[in-house]
Amino acid sequence: MQDVHHGASHDADARLKGEILSSLSAWTADYELERLDLAWTVAQMLLKHVQREQTLDVYLEFAEKLVAILSDEARDIRAVVGEAVRRHAH
């Protein structure tokens, strides 16, 4: 039975992520925003939402995890760029 619940949870998670991406695309078109402008606005509002709705400990945990995710993403981007530069140099 746990597999069924896990599958349902995964489906809900995938559906939520899809809805978020769809909303972001719609907002970009509706407000004629550059993607980075939208990203900054969404990030700021998400931080405000967590700050208002959660305890200070939860807000701090969220901020720390967000920093870790962004750091990992920056490292991955640097690796891709570095690889592209190496391939182009040869």
Protein backbone atom coordinates (compact mmCIF):
# COMPACT_ATOMS: atom_id res chain seq x y z
CA MET A 1 0.00 0.00 0.00
CA GLN A 2 2.83 2.40 0.64
CA ASP A 3 3.80 2.27 -3.01
CA VAL A 4 0.32 3.46 -3.96
CA HIS A 5 0.54 6.41 -1.58
CA HIS A 6 4.06 7.21 -2.71
CA GLY A 7 2.89 7.14 -6.31
CA ALA A 8 -0.02 9.45 -5.52
CA SER A 9 2.35 11.80 -3.70
CA HIS A 10 4.73 11.76 -6.65
CA ASP A 11 1.86 12.47 -9.05
CA ALA A 12 0.68 15.40 -6.94
CA ASP A 13 4.24 16.74 -6.77
CA ALA A 14 4.66 16.43 -10.54
CA ARG A 15 1.28 18.05 -11.13
CA LEU A 16 2.13 20.96 -8.79
CA LYS A 17 5.47 21.52 -10.52
CA GLY A 18 3.75 21.48 -13.90
CA GLU A 19 1.17 24.01 -12.74
CA ILE A 20 3.89 26.28 -11.38
CA LEU A 21 5.81 26.16 -14.67
CA SER A 22 2.62 26.80 -16.61
CA SER A 23 1.79 29.77 -14.40
CA LEU A 24 5.29 31.19 -14.81
CA SER A 25 4.98 30.96 -18.60
CA ALA A 26 1.57 32.61 -18.51
CA TRP A 27 2.79 35.42 -16.24
CA THR A 28 5.76 36.06 -18.52
CA ALA A 29 3.39 36.56 -21.44
CA ASP A 30 0.65 38.39 -19.52
CA TYR A 31 2.98 40.92 -17.91
CA GLU A 32 5.45 41.07 -20.80
CA LEU A 33 8.32 40.40 -18.43
CA GLU A 34 11.76 39.18 -19.18
CA ARG A 35 12.29 35.77 -17.59
CA LEU A 36 14.86 37.12 -15.13
CA ASP A 37 12.46 39.88 -14.00
CA LEU A 38 9.83 37.26 -13.32
CA ALA A 39 12.31 34.99 -11.55
CA TRP A 40 13.40 37.77 -9.19
CA THR A 41 9.81 38.71 -8.40
CA VAL A 42 8.77 35.10 -7.77
CA ALA A 43 11.84 34.47 -5.58
CA GLN A 44 11.16 37.59 -3.51
CA MET A 45 7.49 36.73 -3.06
CA LEU A 46 8.26 33.13 -2.17
CA LEU A 47 10.66 34.30 0.54
CA LYS A 48 8.04 36.74 1.87
CA HIS A 49 5.40 34.02 1.83
CA VAL A 50 7.54 31.59 3.83
CA GLN A 51 8.56 34.36 6.22
CA ARG A 52 4.93 35.32 6.89
CA GLU A 53 3.48 31.81 7.05
CA GLN A 54 6.17 29.90 8.96
CA THR A 55 8.08 30.15 12.20
CA LEU A 56 11.45 31.85 12.24
CA ASP A 57 13.19 28.46 12.51
CA VAL A 58 11.37 27.15 9.43
CA TYR A 59 12.09 30.37 7.53
CA LEU A 60 15.79 30.07 8.41
CA GLU A 61 15.83 26.41 7.33
CA PHE A 62 14.18 27.37 4.04
CA ALA A 63 16.72 30.14 3.42
CA GLU A 64 19.63 27.82 4.19
CA LYS A 65 18.33 25.12 1.86
CA LEU A 66 17.70 27.71 -0.85
CA VAL A 67 21.29 28.93 -0.55
CA ALA A 68 22.54 25.33 -0.89
CA ILE A 69 20.37 24.73 -3.96
CA LEU A 70 21.53 27.95 -5.61
CA SER A 71 25.15 27.15 -4.81
CA ASP A 72 24.82 23.70 -6.38
CA GLU A 73 23.15 25.22 -9.43
CA ALA A 74 25.93 27.82 -9.83
CA ARG A 75 28.57 25.06 -9.55
CA ASP A 76 26.79 23.01 -12.22
CA ILE A 77 26.53 26.01 -14.54
CA ARG A 78 30.24 26.77 -14.11
CA ALA A 79 31.05 23.15 -14.98
CA VAL A 80 28.96 23.29 -18.16
CA VAL A 81 30.52 26.60 -19.20
CA GLY A 82 34.00 25.31 -18.40
CA GLU A 83 33.42 22.21 -20.50
CA ALA A 84 32.13 24.30 -23.41
CA VAL A 85 35.20 26.54 -23.23
CA ARG A 86 37.52 23.51 -23.18
CA ARG A 87 35.78 21.96 -26.21
CA HIS A 88 35.87 25.23 -28.11
CA ALA A 89 39.59 25.71 -27.34
CA HIS A 90 40.49 22.33 -28.90
